[in-house]
C-alpha atoms as a PDB file:
ATOM      1  CA  MET A   1      -6.413  27.449   1.774  1.00  0.00           C
ATOM      2  CA  ALA A   2      -4.466  29.071   4.482  1.00  0.00           C
ATOM      3  CA  ALA A   3      -4.350  32.913   4.358  1.00  0.00           C
ATOM      4  CA  LYS A   4      -3.528  35.763   7.007  1.00  0.00           C
ATOM      5  CA  SER A   5      -6.466  35.638   9.264  1.00  0.00           C
ATOM      6  CA  GLU A   6      -7.904  39.063  10.076  1.00  0.00           C
ATOM      7  CA  ALA A   7      -8.600  37.734  13.478  1.00  0.00           C
ATOM      8  CA  GLY A   8      -5.053  37.145  13.858  1.00  0.00           C
ATOM      9  CA  LEU A   9      -5.190  33.563  14.119  1.00  0.00           C
ATOM     10  CA  ARG A  10      -1.783  31.891  13.762  1.00  0.00           C
ATOM     11  CA  VAL A  11      -1.034  28.144  13.458  1.00  0.00           C
ATOM     12  CA  PHE A  12       2.257  26.591  14.295  1.00  0.00           C
ATOM     13  CA  PHE A  13       2.487  23.423  12.705  1.00  0.00           C
ATOM     14  CA  ASP A  14       4.346  20.369  11.261  1.00  0.00           C
ATOM     15  CA  SER A  15       3.024  18.491   8.348  1.00  0.00           C
ATOM     16  CA  LEU A  16       4.328  15.174   8.956  1.00  0.00           C
ATOM     17  CA  SER A  17       2.871  15.629  12.891  1.00  0.00           C
ATOM     18  CA  GLN A  18      -0.270  13.653  13.102  1.00  0.00           C
ATOM     19  CA  PRO A  19      -1.842  16.151  15.697  1.00  0.00           C
ATOM     20  CA  SER A  20      -1.003  19.149  13.356  1.00  0.00           C
ATOM     21  CA  ARG A  21      -2.861  17.638  10.484  1.00  0.00           C
ATOM     22  CA  ALA A  22      -6.150  16.931  12.804  1.00  0.00           C
ATOM     23  CA  VAL A  23      -6.203  20.930  13.273  1.00  0.00           C
ATOM     24  CA  LEU A  24      -5.491  21.823   9.863  1.00  0.00           C
ATOM     25  CA  LEU A  25      -8.112  19.539   8.777  1.00  0.00           C
ATOM     26  CA  LEU A  26     -10.725  21.130  10.528  1.00  0.00           C
ATOM     27  CA  LEU A  27      -9.553  24.618   9.758  1.00  0.00           C
ATOM     28  CA  HIS A  28      -9.388  23.499   6.133  1.00  0.00           C
ATOM     29  CA  ALA A  29     -12.991  21.647   6.160  1.00  0.00           C
ATOM     30  CA  ASN A  30     -14.427  24.953   7.578  1.00  0.00           C
ATOM     31  CA  LYS A  31     -12.839  27.721   5.700  1.00  0.00           C
ATOM     32  CA  ILE A  32     -11.223  29.375   8.771  1.00  0.00           C
ATOM     33  CA  PRO A  33      -8.757  31.481   7.650  1.00  0.00           C
ATOM     34  CA  TYR A  34      -5.356  31.498   9.540  1.00  0.00           C
ATOM     35  CA  GLU A  35      -1.901  32.199   9.294  1.00  0.00           C
ATOM     36  CA  PRO A  36       0.436  28.985   8.851  1.00  0.00           C
ATOM     37  CA  LYS A  37       3.382  28.737  10.647  1.00  0.00           C
ATOM     38  CA  LEU A  38       5.656  26.104   9.618  1.00  0.00           C
ATOM     39  CA  ILE A  39       7.803  24.392  12.370  1.00  0.00           C
ATOM     40  CA  ARG A  40      10.109  21.889  10.882  1.00  0.00           C
ATOM     41  CA  ILE A  41      10.617  19.392  13.430  1.00  0.00           C
ATOM     42  CA  SER A  42      13.275  17.485  11.514  1.00  0.00           C
ATOM     43  CA  GLN A  43      15.397  20.590  11.642  1.00  0.00           C
ATOM     44  CA  GLY A  44      14.812  21.484  15.707  1.00  0.00           C
ATOM     45  CA  GLU A  45      12.767  24.374  15.123  1.00  0.00           C
ATOM     46  CA  ASN A  46      10.375  23.260  17.640  1.00  0.00           C
ATOM     47  CA  ARG A  47      13.378  23.852  20.175  1.00  0.00           C
ATOM     48  CA  THR A  48      14.884  27.019  18.548  1.00  0.00           C
ATOM     49  CA  ARG A  49      12.405  28.735  16.944  1.00  0.00           C
ATOM     50  CA  GLU A  50      11.649  32.168  19.460  1.00  0.00           C
ATOM     51  CA  ASP A  51       8.451  32.983  17.915  1.00  0.00           C
ATOM     52  CA  PHE A  52       7.143  29.372  18.527  1.00  0.00           C
ATOM     53  CA  LEU A  53       8.538  29.227  21.976  1.00  0.00           C
ATOM     54  CA  LYS A  54       6.851  32.010  23.340  1.00  0.00           C
ATOM     55  CA  VAL A  55       3.568  30.593  22.302  1.00  0.00           C
ATOM     56  CA  ASN A  56       4.390  26.797  23.266  1.00  0.00           C
ATOM     57  CA  PRO A  57       7.059  26.537  25.719  1.00  0.00           C
ATOM     58  CA  ASN A  58       6.247  22.751  25.768  1.00  0.00           C
ATOM     59  CA  LYS A  59       8.228  22.805  22.396  1.00  0.00           C
ATOM     60  CA  LYS A  60       5.270  20.687  20.387  1.00  0.00           C
ATOM     61  CA  VAL A  61       3.142  21.216  17.638  1.00  0.00           C
ATOM     62  CA  PRO A  62       0.489  22.109  17.000  1.00  0.00           C
ATOM     63  CA  ALA A  63      -0.201  25.222  18.955  1.00  0.00           C
ATOM     64  CA  ILE A  64      -2.060  28.423  18.289  1.00  0.00           C
ATOM     65  CA  GLU A  65      -1.928  32.056  18.982  1.00  0.00           C
ATOM     66  CA  ASP A  66      -5.346  33.719  18.861  1.00  0.00           C
ATOM     67  CA  ASN A  67      -5.054  37.476  19.237  1.00  0.00           C
ATOM     68  CA  ARG A  68      -2.325  36.855  22.066  1.00  0.00           C
ATOM     69  CA  PHE A  69      -4.422  33.834  23.472  1.00  0.00           C
ATOM     70  CA  CYS A  70      -2.166  30.895  22.906  1.00  0.00           C
ATOM     71  CA  LEU A  71      -2.864  27.120  23.336  1.00  0.00           C
ATOM     72  CA  PHE A  72      -1.112  23.992  22.633  1.00  0.00           C
ATOM     73  CA  GLU A  73      -2.260  20.424  22.634  1.00  0.00           C
ATOM     74  CA  SER A  74      -4.480  19.428  19.615  1.00  0.00           C
ATOM     75  CA  SER A  75      -7.365  18.378  21.553  1.00  0.00           C
ATOM     76  CA  ALA A  76      -7.821  21.575  23.146  1.00  0.00           C
ATOM     77  CA  ILE A  77      -7.137  23.219  19.796  1.00  0.00           C
ATOM     78  CA  LEU A  78      -9.697  21.440  18.226  1.00  0.00           C
ATOM     79  CA  LYS A  79     -12.448  22.091  20.839  1.00  0.00           C
ATOM     80  CA  TYR A  80     -11.448  25.638  20.939  1.00  0.00           C
ATOM     81  CA  ILE A  81     -11.830  26.231  17.557  1.00  0.00           C
ATOM     82  CA  ALA A  82     -14.915  24.256  17.255  1.00  0.00           C
ATOM     83  CA  THR A  83     -16.354  26.342  19.969  1.00  0.00           C
ATOM     84  CA  LYS A  84     -15.438  29.998  18.954  1.00  0.00           C
ATOM     85  CA  TYR A  85     -16.292  29.643  15.378  1.00  0.00           C
ATOM     86  CA  LYS A  86     -19.430  27.873  16.108  1.00  0.00           C
ATOM     87  CA  LEU A  87     -18.677  25.295  13.792  1.00  0.00           C
ATOM     88  CA  PRO A  88     -21.796  22.626  12.617  1.00  0.00           C
ATOM     89  CA  ASP A  89     -22.940  20.761  15.796  1.00  0.00           C
ATOM     90  CA  HIS A  90     -21.455  17.513  14.486  1.00  0.00           C
ATOM     91  CA  TRP A  91     -17.696  18.422  14.970  1.00  0.00           C
ATOM     92  CA  TYR A  92     -18.368  19.053  18.906  1.00  0.00           C
ATOM     93  CA  PRO A  93     -22.051  18.567  19.609  1.00  0.00           C
ATOM     94  CA  SER A  94     -24.125  20.612  22.059  1.00  0.00           C
ATOM     95  CA  ASP A  95     -25.700  17.795  23.526  1.00  0.00           C
ATOM     96  CA  VAL A  96     -24.038  16.799  26.870  1.00  0.00           C
ATOM     97  CA  GLN A  97     -24.065  12.997  26.352  1.00  0.00           C
ATOM     98  CA  ARG A  98     -22.564  13.102  22.634  1.00  0.00           C
ATOM     99  CA  ARG A  99     -20.052  15.732  23.779  1.00  0.00           C
ATOM    100  CA  ALA A 100     -18.966  13.444  26.543  1.00  0.00           C
ATOM    101  CA  LYS A 101     -18.503  10.515  24.127  1.00  0.00           C
ATOM    102  CA  ILE A 102     -16.064  12.740  22.132  1.00  0.00           C
ATOM    103  CA  ASP A 103     -14.171  13.939  25.055  1.00  0.00           C
ATOM    104  CA  GLU A 104     -14.063  10.283  26.144  1.00  0.00           C
ATOM    105  CA  TYR A 105     -12.303   9.005  22.930  1.00  0.00           C
ATOM    106  CA  LEU A 106     -10.024  12.037  23.202  1.00  0.00           C
ATOM    107  CA  SER A 107      -8.913  11.273  26.622  1.00  0.00           C
ATOM    108  CA  TRP A 108      -8.377   7.707  25.814  1.00  0.00           C
ATOM    109  CA  HIS A 109      -6.666   8.324  22.251  1.00  0.00           C
ATOM    110  CA  SER A 110      -3.581  10.287  23.717  1.00  0.00           C
ATOM    111  CA  SER A 111      -2.201   7.357  25.940  1.00  0.00           C
ATOM    112  CA  ASN A 112      -3.326   4.586  23.721  1.00  0.00           C
ATOM    113  CA  LEU A 113      -3.917   4.535  20.025  1.00  0.00           C
ATOM    114  CA  ARG A 114      -1.275   7.649  19.878  1.00  0.00           C
ATOM    115  CA  VAL A 115       1.235   5.667  21.891  1.00  0.00           C
ATOM    116  CA  GLY A 116       0.670   2.652  19.891  1.00  0.00           C
ATOM    117  CA  ALA A 117       0.978   3.931  16.661  1.00  0.00           C
ATOM    118  CA  ALA A 118       3.340   6.954  17.223  1.00  0.00           C
ATOM    119  CA  HIS A 119       6.035   5.153  18.989  1.00  0.00           C
ATOM    120  CA  THR A 120       5.763   1.948  16.698  1.00  0.00           C
ATOM    121  CA  ILE A 121       6.688   4.274  13.640  1.00  0.00           C
ATOM    122  CA  LEU A 122       9.203   6.377  15.866  1.00  0.00           C
ATOM    123  CA  HIS A 123      11.271   2.844  16.917  1.00  0.00           C
ATOM    124  CA  LYS A 124      10.956   1.030  13.935  1.00  0.00           C
ATOM    125  CA  LEU A 125      11.393   4.003  11.276  1.00  0.00           C
ATOM    126  CA  PHE A 126      12.880   7.332  12.632  1.00  0.00           C
ATOM    127  CA  LEU A 127      15.060   6.370  15.864  1.00  0.00           C
ATOM    128  CA  PRO A 128      16.999   3.667  13.508  1.00  0.00           C
ATOM    129  CA  LEU A 129      17.365   6.260  10.738  1.00  0.00           C
ATOM    130  CA  MET A 130      18.629   9.176  12.851  1.00  0.00           C
ATOM    131  CA  THR A 131      20.870   6.763  15.373  1.00  0.00           C
ATOM    132  CA  GLY A 132      21.895   4.117  12.756  1.00  0.00           C
ATOM    133  CA  ARG A 133      21.274   1.411  15.347  1.00  0.00           C
ATOM    134  CA  PRO A 134      18.541  -1.470  15.137  1.00  0.00           C
ATOM    135  CA  PRO A 135      14.825  -0.951  16.708  1.00  0.00           C
ATOM    136  CA  ASP A 136      14.882  -1.884  20.422  1.00  0.00           C
ATOM    137  CA  GLU A 137      12.877  -4.757  19.974  1.00  0.00           C
ATOM    138  CA  LYS A 138      11.329  -4.990  23.598  1.00  0.00           C
ATOM    139  CA  ARG A 139       9.963  -1.533  23.120  1.00  0.00           C
ATOM    140  CA  LEU A 140       8.741  -2.008  19.645  1.00  0.00           C
ATOM    141  CA  GLU A 141       7.066  -5.211  20.834  1.00  0.00           C
ATOM    142  CA  GLU A 142       5.134  -3.287  23.760  1.00  0.00           C
ATOM    143  CA  ASN A 143       4.159  -0.472  21.236  1.00  0.00           C
ATOM    144  CA  GLU A 144       2.803  -2.899  18.631  1.00  0.00           C
ATOM    145  CA  LYS A 145       0.597  -4.865  21.233  1.00  0.00           C
ATOM    146  CA  MET A 146      -0.659  -1.484  22.297  1.00  0.00           C
ATOM    147  CA  LEU A 147      -1.398  -0.416  18.748  1.00  0.00           C
ATOM    148  CA  LYS A 148      -3.164  -3.933  18.255  1.00  0.00           C
ATOM    149  CA  ARG A 149      -5.427  -3.478  21.266  1.00  0.00           C
ATOM    150  CA  SER A 150      -6.076   0.028  20.542  1.00  0.00           C
ATOM    151  CA  LEU A 151      -7.540  -0.753  17.073  1.00  0.00           C
ATOM    152  CA  GLN A 152      -9.405  -3.607  18.383  1.00  0.00           C
ATOM    153  CA  LEU A 153     -11.026  -1.161  21.065  1.00  0.00           C
ATOM    154  CA  LEU A 154     -11.620   1.604  18.188  1.00  0.00           C
ATOM    155  CA  GLU A 155     -13.451  -1.192  16.213  1.00  0.00           C
ATOM    156  CA  THR A 156     -15.486  -2.869  18.645  1.00  0.00           C
ATOM    157  CA  TYR A 157     -16.373   0.161  21.301  1.00  0.00           C
ATOM    158  CA  PHE A 158     -15.890   3.614  19.764  1.00  0.00           C
ATOM    159  CA  LEU A 159     -17.138   2.673  16.157  1.00  0.00           C
ATOM    160  CA  LYS A 160     -19.430  -0.329  17.285  1.00  0.00           C
ATOM    161  CA  ASN A 161     -22.883   1.376  16.652  1.00  0.00           C
ATOM    162  CA  HIS A 162     -21.837   4.358  14.333  1.00  0.00           C
ATOM    163  CA  LYS A 163     -20.551   5.269  10.964  1.00  0.00           C
ATOM    164  CA  PHE A 164     -18.324   7.667  12.884  1.00  0.00           C
ATOM    165  CA  ILE A 165     -16.740   7.913  16.421  1.00  0.00           C
ATOM    166  CA  SER A 166     -19.548  10.306  17.907  1.00  0.00           C
ATOM    167  CA  GLY A 167     -22.421   9.139  15.490  1.00  0.00           C
ATOM    168  CA  ASP A 168     -23.343   9.148  11.836  1.00  0.00           C
ATOM    169  CA  GLU A 169     -21.515  12.544  11.116  1.00  0.00           C
ATOM    170  CA  ILE A 170     -17.595  13.007  11.328  1.00  0.00           C
ATOM    171  CA  SER A 171     -16.202  14.974  14.447  1.00  0.00           C
ATOM    172  CA  ILE A 172     -13.193  16.146  15.919  1.00  0.00           C
ATOM    173  CA  ALA A 173     -12.506  12.738  17.538  1.00  0.00           C
ATOM    174  CA  ASP A 174     -12.661  11.287  13.849  1.00  0.00           C
ATOM    175  CA  LEU A 175      -9.933  13.840  12.837  1.00  0.00           C
ATOM    176  CA  GLN A 176      -7.275  13.009  15.503  1.00  0.00           C
ATOM    177  CA  ALA A 177      -8.097   8.869  15.063  1.00  0.00           C
ATOM    178  CA  VAL A 178      -7.587   8.942  11.451  1.00  0.00           C
ATOM    179  CA  CYS A 179      -4.690  11.397  11.276  1.00  0.00           C
ATOM    180  CA  GLU A 180      -2.965   8.890  13.578  1.00  0.00           C
ATOM    181  CA  LEU A 181      -3.447   6.206  11.214  1.00  0.00           C
ATOM    182  CA  THR A 182      -2.626   7.927   7.999  1.00  0.00           C
ATOM    183  CA  GLN A 183       0.971   8.301   9.404  1.00  0.00           C
ATOM    184  CA  TYR A 184       1.506   4.833   8.145  1.00  0.00           C
ATOM    185  CA  ALA A 185       1.042   5.821   4.395  1.00  0.00           C
ATOM    186  CA  ILE A 186       4.929   7.372   4.513  1.00  0.00           C
ATOM    187  CA  ALA A 187       5.761   3.586   4.436  1.00  0.00           C
ATOM    188  CA  ASP A 188       2.912   2.742   2.124  1.00  0.00           C
ATOM    189  CA  ALA A 189       1.410   0.760   4.884  1.00  0.00           C
ATOM    190  CA  ASP A 190      -1.898   0.560   6.308  1.00  0.00           C
ATOM    191  CA  PRO A 191      -2.676  -0.690   9.813  1.00  0.00           C
ATOM    192  CA  CYS A 192      -6.315  -1.303   9.133  1.00  0.00           C
ATOM    193  CA  ARG A 193      -6.144  -2.989   5.850  1.00  0.00           C
ATOM    194  CA  ALA A 194      -6.900  -6.618   7.741  1.00  0.00           C
ATOM    195  CA  ARG A 195      -9.796  -4.851   9.588  1.00  0.00           C
ATOM    196  CA  PRO A 196     -12.692  -4.184   7.079  1.00  0.00           C
ATOM    197  CA  ARG A 197     -14.662  -2.186   9.472  1.00  0.00           C
ATOM    198  CA  LEU A 198     -11.591   0.258  10.479  1.00  0.00           C
ATOM    199  CA  ALA A 199     -11.063   0.445   6.580  1.00  0.00           C
ATOM    200  CA  GLN A 200     -14.338   1.516   5.868  1.00  0.00           C
ATOM    201  CA  TRP A 201     -14.392   4.327   8.424  1.00  0.00           C
ATOM    202  CA  MET A 202     -10.858   5.319   7.333  1.00  0.00           C
ATOM    203  CA  SER A 203     -12.635   5.508   3.550  1.00  0.00           C
ATOM    204  CA  ASP A 204     -15.893   7.598   4.945  1.00  0.00           C
ATOM    205  CA  CYS A 205     -13.517   9.933   6.604  1.00  0.00           C
ATOM    206  CA  GLN A 206     -11.364  10.776   3.651  1.00  0.00           C
ATOM    207  CA  SER A 207     -14.598  11.043   1.630  1.00  0.00           C
ATOM    208  CA  ALA A 208     -16.192  13.320   4.156  1.00  0.00           C
ATOM    209  CA  LEU A 209     -13.000  15.389   4.285  1.00  0.00           C
ATOM    210  CA  GLN A 210     -12.091  15.705   0.447  1.00  0.00           C
ATOM    211  CA  PRO A 211     -10.604  17.570  -1.043  1.00  0.00           C
ATOM    212  CA  HIS A 212      -9.289  19.029   2.109  1.00  0.00           C
ATOM    213  CA  PHE A 213      -7.861  15.646   3.111  1.00  0.00           C
ATOM    214  CA  ASP A 214      -5.540  15.190   0.207  1.00  0.00           C
ATOM    215  CA  GLU A 215      -4.280  18.890   0.424  1.00  0.00           C
ATOM    216  CA  VAL A 216      -3.404  18.488   4.030  1.00  0.00           C
ATOM    217  CA  HIS A 217      -1.781  15.245   3.513  1.00  0.00           C
ATOM    218  CA  LYS A 218       0.592  16.043   0.820  1.00  0.00           C
ATOM    219  CA  MET A 219       3.735  15.571   2.772  1.00  0.00           C
ATOM    220  CA  VAL A 220       2.675  12.328   3.712  1.00  0.00           C
ATOM    221  CA  TYR A 221       2.328  11.499   0.327  1.00  0.00           C
ATOM    222  CA  ALA A 222       5.494  12.787  -0.893  1.00  0.00           C
ATOM    223  CA  THR A 223       7.364  11.157   1.991  1.00  0.00           C
ATOM    224  CA  ARG A 224       5.599   7.820   0.670  1.00  0.00           C
ATOM    225  CA  ASP A 225       6.672   8.540  -2.905  1.00  0.00           C
ATOM    226  CA  GLN A 226      10.282   8.916  -1.896  1.00  0.00           C
ATOM    227  CA  GLY A 227      10.189   5.486  -0.975  1.00  0.00           C
ATOM    228  CA  MET A 228      12.800   5.484   1.896  1.00  0.00           C
ATOM    229  CA  PHE A 229      10.419   3.812   4.095  1.00  0.00           C
ATOM    230  CA  LYS A 230       8.437   1.452   2.031  1.00  0.00           C
ATOM    231  CA  GLY A 231       8.003  -1.938   3.473  1.00  0.00           C
ATOM    232  CA  LYS A 232       9.629  -1.164   6.620  1.00  0.00           C
ATOM    233  CA  LEU A 233       6.228  -1.223   8.551  1.00  0.00           C
END
């Protein structure tokens, strides 16, 4: 799917990074060519690769370089791609109120659902693996409470009246949200299993994004199939 872009779009990513997958899904779903630049966070390449650090001194993926224009932060990248490539309107609508609702979700996401979901995985799976120490139970409890509150708001507010976050078609807001929650698949877990409305939304997102969804999630599935985290979430 990825190919060297004639326009010079380079995408720095790690396939186990939730925000990276959101950007990749938007590119693949809209057949936008790009040059993939894999950054292996597990090997510390986000802190050592000079080509990456020139693009993103913040040392986090994803990031892009587009004809010497550099950009990081996944929400900013998603908006840039949708706008520059004039993608179908449902991704990032031109209607000011519908666009504002997407911006509302994206602003909320980074300090709520992302904190709850990603930090729960970090403290329950990755830090114990790297340090050999048990999880910090206090921080883990705080993160799990944040996740529970975030799932509740996603279900009862952002998805209250629509099939997707901004309406009846998928948007960049859905990409951010669904990629955050599919990270649980590395432990063969599903945080939406007991929430039928969220489970249906997750299924709708996957259907709307196939076959690209499975392609972008290959590394997630491979990690799940290794079984090292199974039953730990």
